[in-house]
Amino acid sequence: MWSRFLRTSGNRAGRLLVLVSTVVLLAGCNYTFRAGSGLPAHVRTIAIVPFENDTGRFELTDEIHRVLMDELPGAFGVTATGENSADAVVTGTIRSYEDDAPLFRPGEEEGRVDVVERQVTITLEIRIVDVAENLILWDDTSLRVQGEYLEASESEEAGREEAIGRLVRSIVDGIQSDW
């Protein structure tokens, strides 16, 4: 079929056009979508510095640091180390902490409201820096994570744990996306 088309085109310009079109088409078939691959290959160690805390909830610093130390190195396939010997450093600031009641219903007594579900919201500023390249790998100046808990059967700590778990997922997703 191609030989018939090439023969009928009759000139070199036609053959060249077909050849270029074929090459472009085949090159287009090799296109693949590649999401971010995470940390650069030379980053083998990571330091997670305890976050600064602008809230009155001082336990947050330790809770967030502990979870990040437990989860991030494994998620990135690196080893946790001290700040002075790390290839990458995670730093941040806890900007706000709120415990709200977004889900409620009228109570049995007039003028009373029964809270059904409460919501912990933590807002942070976070940065991951490649020390060797002096390059910011990822940062978010207003990362907001939430965790819900049932007023009747769960404690605020359950909502806070859920929010911190979502923080870890947000960091991993953020560094994995190369946008």
N, C-alpha and C. Protein backbone atom coordinates (compact mmCIF):
# COMPACT_ATOMS: atom_id res chain seq x y z
N MET A 1 0.82 -1.19 0.00
CA MET A 1 0.00 0.00 0.00
C MET A 1 0.86 1.25 0.00
N TRP A 2 1.88 1.29 0.88
CA TRP A 2 2.75 2.46 0.93
C TRP A 2 3.49 2.66 -0.40
N SER A 3 3.91 1.56 -1.00
CA SER A 3 4.65 1.70 -2.25
C SER A 3 3.75 2.29 -3.33
N ARG A 4 2.46 1.91 -3.35
CA ARG A 4 1.54 2.49 -4.32
C ARG A 4 1.39 3.99 -4.07
N PHE A 5 1.27 4.37 -2.79
CA PHE A 5 1.13 5.79 -2.47
C PHE A 5 2.39 6.55 -2.87
N LEU A 6 3.55 5.98 -2.54
CA LEU A 6 4.81 6.65 -2.88
C LEU A 6 4.98 6.77 -4.39
N ARG A 7 4.57 5.71 -5.15
CA ARG A 7 4.70 5.75 -6.59
C ARG A 7 3.77 6.79 -7.19
N THR A 8 2.58 6.91 -6.65
CA THR A 8 1.62 7.85 -7.22
C THR A 8 1.92 9.28 -6.83
N SER A 9 2.66 9.48 -5.73
CA SER A 9 2.98 10.86 -5.37
C SER A 9 3.90 11.47 -6.41
N GLY A 10 4.76 10.66 -6.99
CA GLY A 10 5.50 11.05 -8.16
C GLY A 10 6.66 11.99 -7.96
N ASN A 11 6.85 12.61 -6.85
CA ASN A 11 7.98 13.51 -6.71
C ASN A 11 8.66 13.33 -5.36
N ARG A 12 9.84 13.88 -5.26
CA ARG A 12 10.63 13.75 -4.02
C ARG A 12 9.97 14.46 -2.85
N ALA A 13 9.36 15.59 -3.08
CA ALA A 13 8.71 16.34 -2.00
C ALA A 13 7.59 15.51 -1.38
N GLY A 14 6.84 14.79 -2.19
CA GLY A 14 5.77 13.94 -1.68
C GLY A 14 6.32 12.81 -0.83
N ARG A 15 7.40 12.19 -1.30
CA ARG A 15 8.03 11.10 -0.53
C ARG A 15 8.59 11.62 0.80
N LEU A 16 9.21 12.78 0.74
CA LEU A 16 9.75 13.38 1.96
C LEU A 16 8.64 13.70 2.96
N LEU A 17 7.53 14.19 2.47
CA LEU A 17 6.39 14.50 3.33
C LEU A 17 5.87 13.25 4.02
N VAL A 18 5.77 12.16 3.26
CA VAL A 18 5.29 10.90 3.83
C VAL A 18 6.29 10.39 4.88
N LEU A 19 7.57 10.46 4.57
CA LEU A 19 8.59 10.00 5.50
C LEU A 19 8.57 10.82 6.79
N VAL A 20 8.50 12.14 6.68
CA VAL A 20 8.46 13.00 7.86
C VAL A 20 7.19 12.74 8.67
N SER A 21 6.07 12.58 8.00
CA SER A 21 4.81 12.31 8.70
C SER A 21 4.88 10.99 9.46
N THR A 22 5.48 9.99 8.84
CA THR A 22 5.60 8.68 9.49
C THR A 22 6.49 8.78 10.73
N VAL A 23 7.61 9.48 10.61
CA VAL A 23 8.52 9.64 11.74
C VAL A 23 7.82 10.38 12.88
N VAL A 24 7.10 11.44 12.57
CA VAL A 24 6.39 12.21 13.60
C VAL A 24 5.33 11.34 14.27
N LEU A 25 4.60 10.58 13.48
CA LEU A 25 3.59 9.69 14.04
C LEU A 25 4.20 8.66 14.97
N LEU A 26 5.27 8.03 14.55
CA LEU A 26 5.92 7.02 15.38
C LEU A 26 6.53 7.63 16.63
N ALA A 27 7.09 8.81 16.51
CA ALA A 27 7.65 9.48 17.69
C ALA A 27 6.54 9.80 18.69
N GLY A 28 5.38 10.17 18.20
CA GLY A 28 4.25 10.46 19.07
C GLY A 28 3.79 9.24 19.83
N CYS A 29 3.97 8.06 19.24
CA CYS A 29 3.57 6.82 19.91
C CYS A 29 4.47 6.50 21.09
N ASN A 30 5.68 7.04 21.11
CA ASN A 30 6.60 6.78 22.20
C ASN A 30 6.38 7.69 23.40
N TYR A 31 5.47 8.64 23.29
CA TYR A 31 5.21 9.56 24.39
C TYR A 31 4.58 8.79 25.54
N THR A 32 5.11 9.01 26.72
CA THR A 32 4.53 8.38 27.91
C THR A 32 4.37 9.44 28.98
N PHE A 33 3.40 9.21 29.85
CA PHE A 33 3.19 10.10 30.98
C PHE A 33 4.06 9.60 32.13
N ARG A 34 4.83 10.50 32.69
CA ARG A 34 5.70 10.13 33.80
C ARG A 34 5.45 11.09 34.95
N ALA A 35 4.94 10.56 36.03
CA ALA A 35 4.72 11.39 37.21
C ALA A 35 6.05 11.62 37.90
N GLY A 36 6.03 12.47 38.90
CA GLY A 36 7.26 12.74 39.62
C GLY A 36 7.81 11.49 40.27
N SER A 37 9.09 11.45 40.42
CA SER A 37 9.73 10.25 40.94
C SER A 37 10.16 10.41 42.39
N GLY A 38 9.79 11.48 43.00
CA GLY A 38 10.15 11.68 44.39
C GLY A 38 11.43 12.45 44.54
N LEU A 39 12.23 12.09 45.52
CA LEU A 39 13.49 12.78 45.78
C LEU A 39 14.51 12.44 44.69
N PRO A 40 15.43 13.35 44.42
CA PRO A 40 16.49 13.06 43.45
C PRO A 40 17.31 11.84 43.88
N ALA A 41 17.93 11.18 42.92
CA ALA A 41 18.66 9.94 43.18
C ALA A 41 19.80 10.12 44.18
N HIS A 42 20.43 11.29 44.20
CA HIS A 42 21.57 11.49 45.11
C HIS A 42 21.13 11.71 46.56
N VAL A 43 19.84 11.90 46.79
CA VAL A 43 19.35 12.08 48.17
C VAL A 43 19.11 10.70 48.78
N ARG A 44 19.99 10.35 49.70
CA ARG A 44 19.89 9.03 50.36
C ARG A 44 19.59 9.14 51.85
N THR A 45 19.76 10.35 52.40
CA THR A 45 19.47 10.57 53.81
C THR A 45 18.63 11.83 53.95
N ILE A 46 17.82 11.84 55.00
CA ILE A 46 16.94 12.98 55.24
C ILE A 46 16.92 13.30 56.73
N ALA A 47 16.92 14.58 57.03
CA ALA A 47 16.79 15.04 58.41
C ALA A 47 15.44 15.73 58.54
N ILE A 48 14.75 15.44 59.61
CA ILE A 48 13.46 16.07 59.88
C ILE A 48 13.63 16.88 61.16
N VAL A 49 13.67 18.18 60.99
CA VAL A 49 13.89 19.10 62.11
C VAL A 49 12.54 19.33 62.80
N PRO A 50 12.50 19.31 64.14
CA PRO A 50 11.23 19.62 64.83
C PRO A 50 10.71 20.99 64.37
N PHE A 51 9.41 21.02 64.06
CA PHE A 51 8.81 22.23 63.51
C PHE A 51 8.69 23.32 64.58
N GLU A 52 8.82 24.55 64.14
CA GLU A 52 8.49 25.68 65.00
C GLU A 52 6.99 25.64 65.22
N ASN A 53 6.53 26.23 66.32
CA ASN A 53 5.12 26.13 66.67
C ASN A 53 4.58 27.50 67.09
N ASP A 54 3.71 28.05 66.26
CA ASP A 54 3.10 29.34 66.56
C ASP A 54 1.78 29.20 67.31
N THR A 55 1.43 27.99 67.70
CA THR A 55 0.16 27.77 68.40
C THR A 55 0.39 27.60 69.89
N GLY A 56 -0.67 27.55 70.63
CA GLY A 56 -0.59 27.28 72.06
C GLY A 56 -0.59 25.78 72.36
N ARG A 57 -0.65 24.96 71.32
CA ARG A 57 -0.70 23.50 71.48
C ARG A 57 0.72 22.94 71.32
N PHE A 58 1.47 23.00 72.39
CA PHE A 58 2.89 22.66 72.33
C PHE A 58 3.15 21.18 72.07
N GLU A 59 2.19 20.32 72.38
CA GLU A 59 2.36 18.89 72.11
C GLU A 59 2.42 18.58 70.62
N LEU A 60 1.91 19.48 69.79
CA LEU A 60 1.91 19.27 68.34
C LEU A 60 3.31 19.09 67.77
N THR A 61 4.27 19.85 68.27
CA THR A 61 5.64 19.75 67.76
C THR A 61 6.15 18.33 67.88
N ASP A 62 6.02 17.73 69.06
CA ASP A 62 6.50 16.36 69.27
C ASP A 62 5.68 15.34 68.48
N GLU A 63 4.37 15.51 68.46
CA GLU A 63 3.52 14.54 67.76
C GLU A 63 3.82 14.53 66.26
N ILE A 64 3.92 15.71 65.66
CA ILE A 64 4.21 15.80 64.23
C ILE A 64 5.61 15.27 63.93
N HIS A 65 6.58 15.65 64.74
CA HIS A 65 7.96 15.20 64.52
C HIS A 65 8.06 13.68 64.61
N ARG A 66 7.43 13.10 65.60
CA ARG A 66 7.48 11.64 65.77
C ARG A 66 6.89 10.91 64.56
N VAL A 67 5.72 11.36 64.09
CA VAL A 67 5.08 10.70 62.95
C VAL A 67 5.90 10.90 61.68
N LEU A 68 6.41 12.10 61.46
CA LEU A 68 7.23 12.32 60.27
C LEU A 68 8.49 11.46 60.31
N MET A 69 9.12 11.33 61.47
CA MET A 69 10.31 10.48 61.59
C MET A 69 9.99 9.01 61.33
N ASP A 70 8.80 8.58 61.75
CA ASP A 70 8.39 7.19 61.54
C ASP A 70 8.01 6.91 60.09
N GLU A 71 7.41 7.87 59.40
CA GLU A 71 6.80 7.62 58.10
C GLU A 71 7.60 8.10 56.88
N LEU A 72 8.17 9.31 56.93
CA LEU A 72 8.78 9.90 55.73
C LEU A 72 9.98 9.13 55.18
N PRO A 73 10.95 8.73 56.01
CA PRO A 73 12.09 8.03 55.42
C PRO A 73 11.68 6.78 54.63
N GLY A 74 10.78 6.00 55.17
CA GLY A 74 10.31 4.80 54.46
C GLY A 74 9.54 5.14 53.20
N ALA A 75 8.74 6.20 53.26
CA ALA A 75 7.95 6.60 52.08
C ALA A 75 8.86 7.07 50.95
N PHE A 76 9.99 7.69 51.29
CA PHE A 76 10.91 8.20 50.27
C PHE A 76 12.03 7.22 49.96
N GLY A 77 12.15 6.14 50.72
CA GLY A 77 13.21 5.17 50.48
C GLY A 77 14.58 5.70 50.86
N VAL A 78 14.63 6.49 51.94
CA VAL A 78 15.89 7.06 52.41
C VAL A 78 16.06 6.73 53.89
N THR A 79 17.19 7.13 54.44
CA THR A 79 17.49 6.89 55.84
C THR A 79 17.42 8.21 56.61
N ALA A 80 16.85 8.15 57.80
CA ALA A 80 16.80 9.34 58.65
C ALA A 80 18.17 9.55 59.28
N THR A 81 18.58 10.80 59.35
CA THR A 81 19.88 11.14 59.93
C THR A 81 19.80 12.53 60.55
N GLY A 82 20.90 12.98 61.11
CA GLY A 82 20.97 14.31 61.69
C GLY A 82 21.07 15.38 60.62
N GLU A 83 20.75 16.59 61.00
CA GLU A 83 20.72 17.71 60.04
C GLU A 83 22.09 17.97 59.41
N ASN A 84 23.17 17.80 60.17
CA ASN A 84 24.51 18.11 59.65
C ASN A 84 25.00 17.13 58.60
N SER A 85 24.46 15.92 58.57
CA SER A 85 24.94 14.93 57.61
C SER A 85 23.88 14.53 56.58
N ALA A 86 22.76 15.24 56.53
CA ALA A 86 21.65 14.87 55.65
C ALA A 86 21.82 15.40 54.24
N ASP A 87 21.30 14.65 53.27
CA ASP A 87 21.26 15.10 51.88
C ASP A 87 20.08 16.04 51.66
N ALA A 88 19.01 15.86 52.44
CA ALA A 88 17.83 16.71 52.36
C ALA A 88 17.35 16.99 53.78
N VAL A 89 16.75 18.17 53.95
CA VAL A 89 16.27 18.57 55.27
C VAL A 89 14.82 19.03 55.17
N VAL A 90 13.99 18.54 56.09
CA VAL A 90 12.58 18.94 56.18
C VAL A 90 12.44 19.89 57.35
N THR A 91 11.93 21.09 57.08
CA THR A 91 11.69 22.07 58.14
C THR A 91 10.26 22.58 58.00
N GLY A 92 9.75 23.18 59.05
CA GLY A 92 8.41 23.71 58.96
C GLY A 92 8.00 24.51 60.18
N THR A 93 6.85 25.11 60.07
CA THR A 93 6.25 25.88 61.15
C THR A 93 4.77 25.54 61.24
N ILE A 94 4.31 25.23 62.41
CA ILE A 94 2.89 24.99 62.65
C ILE A 94 2.27 26.37 62.86
N ARG A 95 1.43 26.79 61.92
CA ARG A 95 0.87 28.14 61.96
C ARG A 95 -0.40 28.25 62.80
N SER A 96 -1.28 27.25 62.68
CA SER A 96 -2.52 27.34 63.46
C SER A 96 -3.08 25.95 63.75
N TYR A 97 -3.88 25.91 64.79
CA TYR A 97 -4.56 24.68 65.21
C TYR A 97 -5.97 25.07 65.61
N GLU A 98 -6.94 24.41 65.00
CA GLU A 98 -8.34 24.70 65.33
C GLU A 98 -9.09 23.41 65.59
N ASP A 99 -10.01 23.47 66.51
CA ASP A 99 -10.91 22.35 66.80
C ASP A 99 -12.33 22.91 66.70
N ASP A 100 -12.98 22.62 65.57
CA ASP A 100 -14.30 23.18 65.29
C ASP A 100 -15.38 22.10 65.30
N ALA A 101 -16.62 22.56 65.24
CA ALA A 101 -17.77 21.66 65.19
C ALA A 101 -18.55 21.92 63.91
N PRO A 102 -18.13 21.32 62.78
CA PRO A 102 -18.82 21.59 61.52
C PRO A 102 -20.15 20.83 61.35
N LEU A 103 -20.35 19.78 62.15
CA LEU A 103 -21.56 18.97 62.00
C LEU A 103 -22.30 18.94 63.34
N PHE A 104 -23.48 19.57 63.35
CA PHE A 104 -24.29 19.63 64.57
C PHE A 104 -25.76 19.60 64.18
N ARG A 105 -26.61 19.40 65.19
CA ARG A 105 -28.06 19.37 64.96
C ARG A 105 -28.75 20.02 66.16
N PRO A 106 -29.99 20.44 65.94
CA PRO A 106 -30.72 21.04 67.06
C PRO A 106 -30.87 20.03 68.21
N GLY A 107 -30.69 20.51 69.43
CA GLY A 107 -30.81 19.64 70.59
C GLY A 107 -32.26 19.45 70.98
N GLU A 108 -32.48 18.57 71.95
CA GLU A 108 -33.83 18.30 72.42
C GLU A 108 -34.39 19.50 73.19
N GLU A 109 -33.54 20.22 73.89
CA GLU A 109 -33.97 21.41 74.60
C GLU A 109 -33.91 22.60 73.66
N GLU A 110 -34.83 23.51 73.83
CA GLU A 110 -34.87 24.69 72.96
C GLU A 110 -33.61 25.54 73.15
N GLY A 111 -33.03 25.96 72.04
CA GLY A 111 -31.83 26.79 72.07
C GLY A 111 -30.54 26.01 72.26
N ARG A 112 -30.65 24.70 72.32
CA ARG A 112 -29.46 23.88 72.52
C ARG A 112 -29.06 23.22 71.20
N VAL A 113 -27.78 23.04 71.01
CA VAL A 113 -27.26 22.39 69.82
C VAL A 113 -26.43 21.19 70.26
N ASP A 114 -26.64 20.06 69.58
CA ASP A 114 -25.84 18.87 69.85
C ASP A 114 -24.80 18.72 68.75
N VAL A 115 -23.55 18.66 69.16
CA VAL A 115 -22.45 18.48 68.21
C VAL A 115 -22.36 17.00 67.86
N VAL A 116 -22.36 16.69 66.57
CA VAL A 116 -22.26 15.31 66.11
C VAL A 116 -20.80 14.97 65.80
N GLU A 117 -20.17 15.84 65.06
CA GLU A 117 -18.79 15.58 64.64
C GLU A 117 -17.96 16.84 64.83
N ARG A 118 -16.71 16.64 65.24
CA ARG A 118 -15.78 17.75 65.39
C ARG A 118 -14.65 17.58 64.37
N GLN A 119 -13.93 18.66 64.13
CA GLN A 119 -12.89 18.64 63.11
C GLN A 119 -11.66 19.41 63.60
N VAL A 120 -10.52 18.73 63.56
CA VAL A 120 -9.24 19.36 63.88
C VAL A 120 -8.64 19.83 62.57
N THR A 121 -8.19 21.08 62.53
CA THR A 121 -7.53 21.63 61.34
C THR A 121 -6.18 22.18 61.77
N ILE A 122 -5.13 21.70 61.07
CA ILE A 122 -3.77 22.17 61.34
C ILE A 122 -3.26 22.82 60.06
N THR A 123 -2.77 24.03 60.19
CA THR A 123 -2.19 24.73 59.05
C THR A 123 -0.69 24.87 59.30
N LEU A 124 0.09 24.48 58.28
CA LEU A 124 1.55 24.46 58.42
C LEU A 124 2.23 25.11 57.23
N GLU A 125 3.46 25.47 57.47
CA GLU A 125 4.37 25.89 56.41
C GLU A 125 5.48 24.84 56.43
N ILE A 126 5.78 24.27 55.27
CA ILE A 126 6.76 23.18 55.24
C ILE A 126 7.67 23.33 54.03
N ARG A 127 8.91 22.88 54.19
CA ARG A 127 9.89 22.99 53.11
C ARG A 127 10.83 21.78 53.16
N ILE A 128 11.13 21.23 51.99
CA ILE A 128 12.13 20.17 51.87
C ILE A 128 13.24 20.72 50.98
N VAL A 129 14.45 20.74 51.51
CA VAL A 129 15.59 21.35 50.80
C VAL A 129 16.65 20.28 50.50
N ASP A 130 17.11 20.28 49.26
CA ASP A 130 18.24 19.46 48.83
C ASP A 130 19.49 20.22 49.26
N VAL A 131 20.21 19.69 50.24
CA VAL A 131 21.36 20.38 50.80
C VAL A 131 22.51 20.48 49.79
N ALA A 132 22.78 19.39 49.07
CA ALA A 132 23.90 19.36 48.12
C ALA A 132 23.71 20.38 47.00
N GLU A 133 22.51 20.50 46.50
CA GLU A 133 22.22 21.41 45.38
C GLU A 133 21.73 22.78 45.85
N ASN A 134 21.51 22.92 47.17
CA ASN A 134 20.93 24.14 47.73
C ASN A 134 19.67 24.52 46.96
N LEU A 135 18.77 23.55 46.87
CA LEU A 135 17.58 23.69 46.04
C LEU A 135 16.35 23.28 46.85
N ILE A 136 15.29 24.06 46.76
CA ILE A 136 14.05 23.69 47.42
C ILE A 136 13.37 22.62 46.57
N LEU A 137 13.24 21.43 47.12
CA LEU A 137 12.61 20.33 46.39
C LEU A 137 11.09 20.46 46.42
N TRP A 138 10.57 20.94 47.53
CA TRP A 138 9.12 21.12 47.66
C TRP A 138 8.86 22.02 48.84
N ASP A 139 7.88 22.89 48.69
CA ASP A 139 7.44 23.68 49.83
C ASP A 139 5.97 24.02 49.67
N ASP A 140 5.36 24.28 50.80
CA ASP A 140 3.96 24.70 50.83
C ASP A 140 3.84 25.66 52.00
N THR A 141 3.46 26.89 51.70
CA THR A 141 3.40 27.91 52.75
C THR A 141 2.07 27.94 53.48
N SER A 142 1.10 27.16 53.01
CA SER A 142 -0.20 27.14 53.69
C SER A 142 -0.86 25.77 53.56
N LEU A 143 -0.11 24.75 53.92
CA LEU A 143 -0.63 23.39 53.89
C LEU A 143 -1.65 23.23 55.01
N ARG A 144 -2.82 22.78 54.65
CA ARG A 144 -3.92 22.66 55.62
C ARG A 144 -4.41 21.22 55.62
N VAL A 145 -4.39 20.59 56.78
CA VAL A 145 -4.85 19.21 56.91
C VAL A 145 -5.92 19.14 57.98
N GLN A 146 -6.84 18.20 57.80
CA GLN A 146 -7.96 18.08 58.73
C GLN A 146 -8.15 16.64 59.16
N GLY A 147 -8.67 16.49 60.34
CA GLY A 147 -9.03 15.18 60.86
C GLY A 147 -10.33 15.29 61.63
N GLU A 148 -11.23 14.37 61.38
CA GLU A 148 -12.55 14.42 62.03
C GLU A 148 -12.63 13.39 63.15
N TYR A 149 -13.49 13.67 64.09
CA TYR A 149 -13.77 12.69 65.14
C TYR A 149 -15.19 12.92 65.65
N LEU A 150 -15.80 11.83 66.11
CA LEU A 150 -17.18 11.88 66.61
C LEU A 150 -17.17 12.41 68.04
N GLU A 151 -17.99 13.37 68.28
CA GLU A 151 -18.06 14.01 69.59
C GLU A 151 -18.41 13.01 70.69
N ALA A 152 -19.33 12.11 70.39
CA ALA A 152 -19.84 11.20 71.43
C ALA A 152 -18.89 10.06 71.76
N SER A 153 -18.09 9.61 70.81
CA SER A 153 -17.34 8.39 71.05
C SER A 153 -15.82 8.49 70.85
N GLU A 154 -15.33 9.61 70.37
CA GLU A 154 -13.89 9.73 70.12
C GLU A 154 -13.34 10.99 70.79
N SER A 155 -12.03 11.03 70.89
CA SER A 155 -11.39 12.19 71.52
C SER A 155 -10.75 13.08 70.47
N GLU A 156 -10.40 14.26 70.89
CA GLU A 156 -9.72 15.20 70.02
C GLU A 156 -8.41 14.62 69.49
N GLU A 157 -7.76 13.79 70.30
CA GLU A 157 -6.50 13.16 69.87
C GLU A 157 -6.71 12.30 68.62
N ALA A 158 -7.87 11.66 68.50
CA ALA A 158 -8.16 10.85 67.30
C ALA A 158 -8.22 11.74 66.06
N GLY A 159 -8.85 12.89 66.19
CA GLY A 159 -8.90 13.82 65.08
C GLY A 159 -7.53 14.38 64.74
N ARG A 160 -6.74 14.63 65.77
CA ARG A 160 -5.38 15.16 65.55
C ARG A 160 -4.51 14.10 64.87
N GLU A 161 -4.62 12.85 65.28
CA GLU A 161 -3.87 11.76 64.64
C GLU A 161 -4.24 11.63 63.17
N GLU A 162 -5.51 11.74 62.87
CA GLU A 162 -5.96 11.66 61.48
C GLU A 162 -5.40 12.83 60.67
N ALA A 163 -5.43 14.01 61.23
CA ALA A 163 -4.89 15.19 60.54
C ALA A 163 -3.39 15.03 60.28
N ILE A 164 -2.65 14.53 61.25
CA ILE A 164 -1.20 14.35 61.08
C ILE A 164 -0.92 13.26 60.05
N GLY A 165 -1.74 12.22 60.02
CA GLY A 165 -1.60 11.20 58.98
C GLY A 165 -1.82 11.79 57.59
N ARG A 166 -2.78 12.68 57.48
CA ARG A 166 -3.02 13.35 56.19
C ARG A 166 -1.87 14.29 55.85
N LEU A 167 -1.22 14.84 56.85
CA LEU A 167 -0.05 15.68 56.62
C LEU A 167 1.04 14.86 55.94
N VAL A 168 1.31 13.68 56.45
CA VAL A 168 2.33 12.82 55.85
C VAL A 168 1.97 12.51 54.40
N ARG A 169 0.72 12.15 54.13
CA ARG A 169 0.30 11.85 52.75
C ARG A 169 0.44 13.08 51.86
N SER A 170 0.13 14.25 52.38
CA SER A 170 0.27 15.49 51.59
C SER A 170 1.72 15.75 51.23
N ILE A 171 2.62 15.52 52.16
CA ILE A 171 4.06 15.73 51.89
C ILE A 171 4.53 14.74 50.84
N VAL A 172 4.20 13.48 50.99
CA VAL A 172 4.62 12.45 50.03
C VAL A 172 4.02 12.75 48.66
N ASP A 173 2.74 13.07 48.62
CA ASP A 173 2.11 13.40 47.33
C ASP A 173 2.74 14.64 46.72
N GLY A 174 3.06 15.61 47.54
CA GLY A 174 3.66 16.84 47.04
C GLY A 174 5.02 16.62 46.42
N ILE A 175 5.85 15.83 47.06
CA ILE A 175 7.19 15.58 46.53
C ILE A 175 7.13 14.63 45.34
N GLN A 176 6.11 13.78 45.27
CA GLN A 176 5.97 12.84 44.16
C GLN A 176 5.49 13.53 42.90
N SER A 177 4.78 14.64 43.05
CA SER A 177 4.28 15.34 41.86
C SER A 177 5.32 16.37 41.43
N ASP A 178 5.67 16.33 40.20
CA ASP A 178 6.73 17.18 39.66
C ASP A 178 6.17 18.46 39.07
N TRP A 179 5.06 18.94 39.53
CA TRP A 179 4.43 20.07 38.86
C TRP A 179 5.03 21.30 39.39
